[in-house]
């Protein structure tokens, strides 16, 4: 059993807001560029009982709140804490842990530290020292991720050269991997049922659209469909900081529009706000897409990926505009580093291509942060010209 899994990395991530997903996919891409196949999975898509059968596992985990595990990791973590697991349970299994946290909190990267210690207690062997990404770093968590990956590749090559047949520093041209999309978009002819769903204006219809769109999203929140959903109306938005201050803090108050849900003190409320309709329309126009087209989005099953136990089986199409509006943050979130890397392959002007490549490189991390995150630039602001079309597929990948 173990020999069949040799030379393939299993990457398990636990994300609350998407950063751990982004980091895990980056590690996966860098591994594939060096000739080593990978499996990238959210931790709640993986049966923890199978861990002893693995050869090498990379964990990418976020710390939320005051040292809490992400929601998607709670079941997995409870399993690892079972007293019935022996100190030899993971003997022969190699692992590495990269954590994402914020040193502004007292329990900085607490989840990564706990996981690292527990894996050692169960007999697993660490490949490299755990990496601890810090939101306070000028380049964010990537300030620690880049050097940690370099150490990981070198150490894996020392352990078994067949991980990277041509060495840990030899990389395949990224463009050869970019043309292998992870999702498949199917366009459907209009039928009455799908049309009624897409045009529904009542709260139940909106809820169905929301669940359909999120079930197709590559970056959907873990356990989303198991959480209570309600609709709120903002009735108060009061600024708490003065104009021109370094932070922009507001006091919000909401009232229920749909039926109220039960909650207790300490519960977490996840809010999915609407987007500026004009910006959504602009994005669709730049991509030269039909907003009224009915689509379904499905994850492609790559030959080196584990079966997706939560594979979307929804056959009900949704309007393309609705999908963009409910699953793609085109109006507020800053695009990630990989966005700039892929855009560089579509740029025709040499100076633009060089600038995009610089932003995507380790040397350009700090300048990218100043240009992108610090200025809060959106996808629409950094995407232009003839290569905006690739943005649609990029955001499908990044969620």
Protein backbone atom coordinates (compact mmCIF):
# COMPACT_ATOMS: atom_id res chain seq x y z
CA UNK A 1 0.00 0.00 0.00
CA UNK A 2 2.72 2.48 1.01
CA UNK A 3 4.81 1.86 -2.10
CA UNK A 4 1.89 2.88 -4.33
CA UNK A 5 1.84 6.29 -2.71
CA UNK A 6 5.57 6.98 -2.96
CA UNK A 7 6.73 10.21 -4.52
CA UNK A 8 3.34 11.86 -4.31
CA UNK A 9 2.68 14.66 -1.86
CA UNK A 10 -0.63 14.90 -0.05
CA UNK A 11 -1.39 18.51 0.90
CA UNK A 12 -4.17 19.01 3.44
CA UNK A 13 -5.33 22.53 4.27
CA UNK A 14 -7.65 24.04 6.87
CA UNK A 15 -8.77 27.52 5.90
CA UNK A 16 -11.23 29.98 7.39
CA UNK A 17 -11.00 32.89 4.94
CA UNK A 18 -9.15 31.35 1.98
CA UNK A 19 -5.51 32.17 2.75
CA UNK A 20 -4.60 28.59 3.71
CA UNK A 21 -6.25 27.38 0.50
CA UNK A 22 -4.16 29.86 -1.49
CA UNK A 23 -0.96 28.78 0.27
CA UNK A 24 -1.73 25.08 -0.18
CA UNK A 25 -2.37 25.51 -3.89
CA UNK A 26 0.86 27.48 -4.21
CA UNK A 27 2.82 24.66 -2.56
CA UNK A 28 1.06 22.22 -4.87
CA UNK A 29 1.93 24.21 -8.00
CA UNK A 30 5.57 24.55 -6.98
CA UNK A 31 5.77 20.81 -6.34
CA UNK A 32 4.27 19.97 -9.74
CA UNK A 33 6.65 22.40 -11.44
CA UNK A 34 9.49 20.31 -10.01
CA UNK A 35 8.02 17.07 -11.35
CA UNK A 36 6.33 15.76 -8.21
CA UNK A 37 2.56 15.07 -8.45
CA UNK A 38 0.35 16.29 -5.63
CA UNK A 39 -3.07 15.88 -4.12
CA UNK A 40 -4.49 19.09 -2.61
CA UNK A 41 -7.52 18.63 -0.38
CA UNK A 42 -9.37 20.48 2.39
CA UNK A 43 -8.89 18.59 5.62
CA UNK A 44 -12.62 17.95 5.96
CA UNK A 45 -12.54 16.08 2.63
CA UNK A 46 -10.03 13.60 4.02
CA UNK A 47 -10.58 10.55 6.23
CA UNK A 48 -8.13 10.93 9.11
CA UNK A 49 -8.11 7.14 9.59
CA UNK A 50 -6.07 6.88 6.38
CA UNK A 51 -3.14 8.95 7.67
CA UNK A 52 -1.00 5.90 8.65
CA UNK A 53 -1.16 4.75 5.01
CA UNK A 54 0.37 7.97 3.66
CA UNK A 55 4.03 8.54 2.93
CA UNK A 56 4.44 12.32 3.06
CA UNK A 57 1.78 14.83 4.11
CA UNK A 58 2.01 18.63 4.04
CA UNK A 59 -0.39 20.44 6.39
CA UNK A 60 -1.33 24.09 5.79
CA UNK A 61 -3.47 25.41 8.63
CA UNK A 62 -4.78 28.77 9.73
CA UNK A 63 -5.33 30.00 13.27
CA UNK A 64 -8.54 31.94 13.83
CA UNK A 65 -9.74 34.11 16.68
CA UNK A 66 -7.89 33.50 19.93
CA UNK A 67 -5.99 30.39 18.91
CA UNK A 68 -8.98 28.49 17.48
CA UNK A 69 -8.94 25.85 14.75
CA UNK A 70 -10.80 26.62 11.50
CA UNK A 71 -14.31 25.15 11.33
CA UNK A 72 -13.21 22.68 8.64
CA UNK A 73 -10.55 21.23 10.94
CA UNK A 74 -12.57 20.64 14.11
CA UNK A 75 -13.61 17.03 13.33
CA UNK A 76 -10.12 16.11 12.10
CA UNK A 77 -8.51 17.59 15.22
CA UNK A 78 -10.89 15.79 17.59
CA UNK A 79 -9.95 12.54 15.90
CA UNK A 80 -6.22 13.16 16.38
CA UNK A 81 -6.78 13.87 20.07
CA UNK A 82 -8.26 10.44 20.77
CA UNK A 83 -6.48 8.71 23.63
CA UNK A 84 -6.81 5.38 21.85
CA UNK A 85 -4.23 6.43 19.23
CA UNK A 86 -0.84 4.96 20.13
CA UNK A 87 2.54 6.70 20.06
CA UNK A 88 3.41 4.55 17.02
CA UNK A 89 0.17 5.21 15.10
CA UNK A 90 1.93 7.42 12.51
CA UNK A 91 5.30 5.72 12.61
CA UNK A 92 6.91 5.89 9.15
CA UNK A 93 4.80 8.85 8.02
CA UNK A 94 6.68 12.03 7.09
CA UNK A 95 5.04 15.42 7.46
CA UNK A 96 5.56 19.17 7.34
CA UNK A 97 3.40 21.95 8.80
CA UNK A 98 2.99 25.49 7.58
CA UNK A 99 0.80 27.79 9.66
CA UNK A 100 -0.91 31.09 8.89
CA UNK A 101 -1.44 33.50 11.74
CA UNK A 102 -1.03 37.01 13.07
CA UNK A 103 1.68 37.86 15.59
CA UNK A 104 -0.55 40.64 16.86
CA UNK A 105 -2.47 37.95 18.73
CA UNK A 106 -1.16 36.27 21.86
CA UNK A 107 -1.70 32.73 20.52
CA UNK A 108 0.23 33.28 17.31
CA UNK A 109 -0.11 30.29 14.97
CA UNK A 110 -1.39 28.23 17.87
CA UNK A 111 -3.11 25.66 15.64
CA UNK A 112 0.04 24.92 13.60
CA UNK A 113 2.08 24.51 16.78
CA UNK A 114 -0.49 22.18 18.36
CA UNK A 115 -0.75 20.09 15.20
CA UNK A 116 3.02 19.81 14.88
CA UNK A 117 3.36 18.62 18.47
CA UNK A 118 0.50 16.14 18.16
CA UNK A 119 1.88 14.57 14.97
CA UNK A 120 5.22 14.08 16.73
CA UNK A 121 3.41 12.50 19.69
CA UNK A 122 1.79 10.01 17.32
CA UNK A 123 5.13 8.90 15.89
CA UNK A 124 5.30 10.89 12.64
CA UNK A 125 8.60 12.36 11.46
CA UNK A 126 8.96 16.04 10.58
CA UNK A 127 10.63 16.73 7.23
CA UNK A 128 11.47 20.35 8.10
CA UNK A 129 10.81 22.70 10.97
CA UNK A 130 7.30 24.09 10.92
CA UNK A 131 6.80 27.32 9.01
CA UNK A 132 4.91 30.19 10.61
CA UNK A 133 3.40 32.75 8.27
CA UNK A 134 2.65 36.15 9.80
CA UNK A 135 0.09 38.68 8.60
CA UNK A 136 2.22 41.39 10.23
CA UNK A 137 5.12 40.72 7.84
CA UNK A 138 5.43 43.33 5.03
CA UNK A 139 4.75 40.53 2.52
CA UNK A 140 2.15 38.75 4.64
CA UNK A 141 2.42 35.00 5.11
CA UNK A 142 4.44 34.66 1.89
CA UNK A 143 7.39 36.25 3.68
CA UNK A 144 7.79 32.93 5.52
CA UNK A 145 6.32 30.62 2.87
CA UNK A 146 8.99 31.15 0.19
CA UNK A 147 12.05 30.24 2.32
CA UNK A 148 10.09 27.42 4.00
CA UNK A 149 9.30 25.86 0.60
CA UNK A 150 12.92 26.05 -0.49
CA UNK A 151 13.94 24.15 2.64
CA UNK A 152 11.13 21.64 2.07
CA UNK A 153 12.16 20.87 -1.51
CA UNK A 154 15.83 20.43 -0.61
CA UNK A 155 15.06 18.19 2.34
CA UNK A 156 12.63 16.00 0.38
CA UNK A 157 15.23 15.59 -2.37
CA UNK A 158 17.78 14.51 0.22
CA UNK A 159 15.35 11.97 1.64
CA UNK A 160 14.41 10.53 -1.75
CA UNK A 161 15.79 12.00 -5.01
CA UNK A 162 12.88 10.50 -6.96
CA UNK A 163 10.58 13.16 -5.47
CA UNK A 164 12.17 15.63 -7.90
CA UNK A 165 13.82 13.63 -10.71
CA UNK A 166 15.78 16.62 -12.06
CA UNK A 167 16.54 18.21 -8.71
CA UNK A 168 14.69 20.58 -6.36
CA UNK A 169 15.77 23.68 -8.29
CA UNK A 170 14.71 22.54 -11.76
CA UNK A 171 11.24 23.87 -12.61
CA UNK A 172 8.91 23.24 -15.53
CA UNK A 173 7.68 26.32 -17.36
CA UNK A 174 4.49 27.44 -15.62
CA UNK A 175 2.64 27.92 -18.92
CA UNK A 176 2.64 24.15 -19.45
CA UNK A 177 0.59 23.75 -16.27
CA UNK A 178 -1.70 26.77 -16.66
CA UNK A 179 -3.58 25.25 -19.60
CA UNK A 180 -4.85 22.45 -17.34
CA UNK A 181 -7.95 24.05 -15.75
CA UNK A 182 -9.31 22.53 -12.56
CA UNK A 183 -12.94 23.27 -13.40
CA UNK A 184 -15.18 22.60 -16.36
CA UNK A 185 -17.81 25.16 -17.37
CA UNK A 186 -20.84 23.83 -19.23
CA UNK A 187 -23.24 26.16 -21.04
CA UNK A 188 -26.90 25.07 -21.10
CA UNK A 189 -29.88 25.96 -23.22
CA UNK A 190 -32.60 27.83 -21.37
CA UNK A 191 -35.34 25.67 -19.90
CA UNK A 192 -38.27 26.73 -17.78
CA UNK A 193 -37.04 25.28 -14.51
CA UNK A 194 -33.60 26.88 -14.68
CA UNK A 195 -35.10 30.13 -15.89
CA UNK A 196 -37.48 30.29 -12.95
CA UNK A 197 -34.64 29.58 -10.53
CA UNK A 198 -32.38 32.22 -12.04
CA UNK A 199 -35.12 34.85 -12.09
CA UNK A 200 -36.61 34.12 -8.67
CA UNK A 201 -37.01 37.24 -6.59
CA UNK A 202 -38.41 35.86 -3.34
CA UNK A 203 -36.16 35.00 -0.43
CA UNK A 204 -36.46 31.27 -1.00
CA UNK A 205 -35.44 31.68 -4.62
CA UNK A 206 -32.47 33.81 -3.62
CA UNK A 207 -31.44 31.22 -1.04
CA UNK A 208 -31.59 28.48 -3.69
CA UNK A 209 -29.50 30.57 -6.06
CA UNK A 210 -26.97 31.20 -3.31
CA UNK A 211 -26.64 27.53 -2.42
CA UNK A 212 -26.41 26.52 -6.09
CA UNK A 213 -23.71 29.08 -6.82
CA UNK A 214 -21.67 28.25 -3.73
CA UNK A 215 -21.89 24.49 -4.42
CA UNK A 216 -20.16 25.14 -7.76
CA UNK A 217 -17.47 27.43 -6.37
CA UNK A 218 -13.93 26.06 -6.21
CA UNK A 219 -13.26 28.08 -3.09
CA UNK A 220 -16.53 27.53 -1.27
CA UNK A 221 -16.46 27.74 2.50
CA UNK A 222 -16.18 24.35 4.17
CA UNK A 223 -19.42 22.98 5.60
CA UNK A 224 -21.28 25.92 4.10
CA UNK A 225 -24.37 23.87 3.35
CA UNK A 226 -24.52 22.67 6.95
CA UNK A 227 -24.81 26.18 8.35
CA UNK A 228 -27.97 28.12 9.00
CA UNK A 229 -28.68 30.76 6.35
CA UNK A 230 -30.70 33.89 6.85
CA UNK A 231 -31.05 37.31 5.23
CA UNK A 232 -30.23 40.54 7.06
CA UNK A 233 -30.83 44.20 6.31
CA UNK A 234 -28.27 46.77 7.45
CA UNK A 235 -30.02 49.44 9.48
CA UNK A 236 -27.01 51.25 10.91
CA UNK A 237 -23.49 51.98 9.65
CA UNK A 238 -21.61 54.25 12.03
CA UNK A 239 -17.90 55.13 11.50
CA UNK A 240 -15.83 54.71 14.68
CA UNK A 241 -12.57 56.12 13.33
CA UNK A 242 -11.80 59.60 12.10
CA UNK A 243 -11.31 60.35 8.43
CA UNK A 244 -7.69 59.85 7.37
CA UNK A 245 -6.80 57.45 10.18
CA UNK A 246 -4.78 54.31 9.50
CA UNK A 247 -7.77 52.06 10.13
CA UNK A 248 -11.36 52.22 8.97
CA UNK A 249 -13.62 50.78 11.70
CA UNK A 250 -17.41 50.83 11.59
CA UNK A 251 -20.26 49.84 13.87
CA UNK A 252 -22.94 47.87 12.00
CA UNK A 253 -26.43 46.90 13.07
CA UNK A 254 -28.67 44.46 11.23
CA UNK A 255 -32.24 43.28 11.40
CA UNK A 256 -33.66 39.99 10.17
CA UNK A 257 -35.44 40.03 6.82
CA UNK A 258 -36.03 36.28 6.70
CA UNK A 259 -36.88 34.08 9.66
CA UNK A 260 -34.52 34.63 12.58
CA UNK A 261 -31.98 31.95 13.49
CA UNK A 262 -31.10 30.82 16.98
CA UNK A 263 -27.68 31.81 18.26
CA UNK A 264 -25.72 32.07 21.50
CA UNK A 265 -23.09 34.45 22.78
CA UNK A 266 -19.77 33.57 21.16
CA UNK A 267 -21.24 32.16 17.94
CA UNK A 268 -19.61 33.27 14.69
CA UNK A 269 -21.59 35.16 12.07
CA UNK A 270 -20.30 34.91 8.51
CA UNK A 271 -21.66 37.67 6.29
CA UNK A 272 -21.74 37.39 2.50
CA UNK A 273 -22.42 40.96 1.34
CA UNK A 274 -23.68 41.85 -2.11
CA UNK A 275 -21.40 43.44 -4.71
CA UNK A 276 -21.72 46.63 -6.70
CA UNK A 277 -23.90 45.61 -9.68
CA UNK A 278 -22.14 48.09 -11.98
CA UNK A 279 -18.74 46.56 -11.18
CA UNK A 280 -20.06 43.04 -11.77
CA UNK A 281 -21.44 44.12 -15.14
CA UNK A 282 -18.14 45.78 -16.05
CA UNK A 283 -16.22 42.62 -15.22
CA UNK A 284 -18.52 40.47 -17.36
CA UNK A 285 -18.31 42.92 -20.26
CA UNK A 286 -14.49 42.98 -20.11
CA UNK A 287 -14.48 39.19 -20.23
CA UNK A 288 -16.79 39.33 -23.24
CA UNK A 289 -19.27 36.98 -21.57
CA UNK A 290 -23.05 36.65 -21.79
CA UNK A 291 -24.51 37.54 -18.36
CA UNK A 292 -27.73 35.65 -19.11
CA UNK A 293 -26.05 32.40 -20.15
CA UNK A 294 -26.95 29.41 -17.99
CA UNK A 295 -23.93 27.48 -16.71
CA UNK A 296 -22.86 24.72 -14.38
CA UNK A 297 -19.33 24.58 -12.96
CA UNK A 298 -17.80 21.25 -12.01
CA UNK A 299 -14.40 20.30 -10.69
CA UNK A 300 -12.36 18.26 -13.13
CA UNK A 301 -11.10 14.98 -11.70
CA UNK A 302 -7.38 15.01 -12.39
CA UNK A 303 -5.74 11.60 -12.50
CA UNK A 304 -3.53 12.41 -9.49
CA UNK A 305 -6.35 13.68 -7.28
CA UNK A 306 -8.24 11.78 -4.61
CA UNK A 307 -11.95 11.22 -5.23
CA UNK A 308 -13.90 14.27 -4.09
CA UNK A 309 -16.39 12.97 -1.55
CA UNK A 310 -18.22 16.27 -1.67
CA UNK A 311 -18.33 16.39 -5.46
CA UNK A 312 -21.03 18.71 -6.71
CA UNK A 313 -23.90 16.70 -8.14
CA UNK A 314 -26.13 19.69 -8.78
CA UNK A 315 -27.48 19.62 -12.32
CA UNK A 316 -29.47 22.86 -12.01
CA UNK A 317 -27.79 25.60 -14.04
CA UNK A 318 -27.45 29.17 -12.84
CA UNK A 319 -27.12 32.45 -14.66
CA UNK A 320 -23.52 33.41 -15.30
CA UNK A 321 -24.09 36.86 -13.82
CA UNK A 322 -25.55 35.33 -10.65
CA UNK A 323 -22.58 32.99 -10.34
CA UNK A 324 -20.12 35.87 -10.67
CA UNK A 325 -22.07 38.03 -8.23
CA UNK A 326 -22.33 35.35 -5.53
CA UNK A 327 -18.97 33.56 -5.78
CA UNK A 328 -16.37 35.96 -7.25
CA UNK A 329 -15.18 38.96 -5.28
CA UNK A 330 -14.44 41.31 -8.19
CA UNK A 331 -15.26 44.55 -6.36
CA UNK A 332 -13.27 44.55 -3.11
CA UNK A 333 -10.71 41.75 -2.55
CA UNK A 334 -7.20 42.28 -3.86
CA UNK A 335 -6.08 39.61 -6.34
CA UNK A 336 -3.47 37.17 -5.11
CA UNK A 337 0.11 36.86 -6.27
CA UNK A 338 -0.71 33.97 -8.62
CA UNK A 339 -3.11 36.27 -10.48
CA UNK A 340 -0.19 38.49 -11.50
CA UNK A 341 1.92 35.49 -12.47
CA UNK A 342 -0.70 34.13 -14.87
CA UNK A 343 -1.48 37.59 -16.27
CA UNK A 344 2.18 37.95 -17.23
CA UNK A 345 1.77 35.14 -19.76
CA UNK A 346 -1.03 37.02 -21.51
CA UNK A 347 0.58 40.47 -21.57
CA UNK A 348 1.72 41.60 -25.01
CA UNK A 349 3.64 44.75 -24.08
CA UNK A 350 7.13 43.78 -22.90
CA UNK A 351 7.26 46.37 -20.09
CA UNK A 352 3.92 45.13 -18.73
CA UNK A 353 5.06 41.51 -18.91
CA UNK A 354 8.27 42.33 -17.03
CA UNK A 355 6.40 44.26 -14.36
CA UNK A 356 3.90 41.46 -13.81
CA UNK A 357 6.68 38.88 -13.61
CA UNK A 358 8.50 41.03 -11.08
CA UNK A 359 5.38 41.31 -8.92
CA UNK A 360 5.02 37.50 -9.01
CA UNK A 361 8.64 36.89 -8.00
CA UNK A 362 9.99 36.60 -4.43
CA UNK A 363 12.03 39.77 -5.06
CA UNK A 364 8.88 41.72 -5.90
CA UNK A 365 6.81 40.64 -2.90
CA UNK A 366 7.13 43.89 -0.96
CA UNK A 367 6.43 46.09 -3.98
CA UNK A 368 3.44 43.94 -4.86
CA UNK A 369 2.09 44.43 -1.35
CA UNK A 370 2.45 48.20 -1.66
CA UNK A 371 0.85 48.27 -5.11
CA UNK A 372 -1.88 45.73 -4.46
CA UNK A 373 -2.97 45.03 -0.89
CA UNK A 374 -1.97 48.36 0.64
CA UNK A 375 -3.79 50.32 -2.07
CA UNK A 376 -6.69 47.84 -1.94
CA UNK A 377 -6.74 47.39 -5.68
CA UNK A 378 -9.43 45.13 -7.10
CA UNK A 379 -9.45 42.64 -9.96
CA UNK A 380 -10.98 45.27 -12.21
CA UNK A 381 -8.23 47.78 -11.43
CA UNK A 382 -5.29 45.47 -12.12
CA UNK A 383 -6.85 43.65 -15.09
CA UNK A 384 -6.84 45.40 -18.41
CA UNK A 385 -6.38 44.99 -22.14
CA UNK A 386 -6.76 41.77 -24.06
CA UNK A 387 -5.80 39.48 -21.17
CA UNK A 388 -8.69 40.38 -18.84
CA UNK A 389 -10.43 37.28 -20.25
CA UNK A 390 -8.21 34.99 -18.18
CA UNK A 391 -9.50 36.67 -14.99
CA UNK A 392 -12.76 34.74 -15.16
CA UNK A 393 -10.98 31.41 -14.99
CA UNK A 394 -8.44 32.68 -12.45
CA UNK A 395 -11.12 33.66 -9.96
CA UNK A 396 -12.85 30.34 -10.53
CA UNK A 397 -9.61 28.72 -9.41
CA UNK A 398 -9.00 31.00 -6.43
CA UNK A 399 -12.61 31.22 -5.30
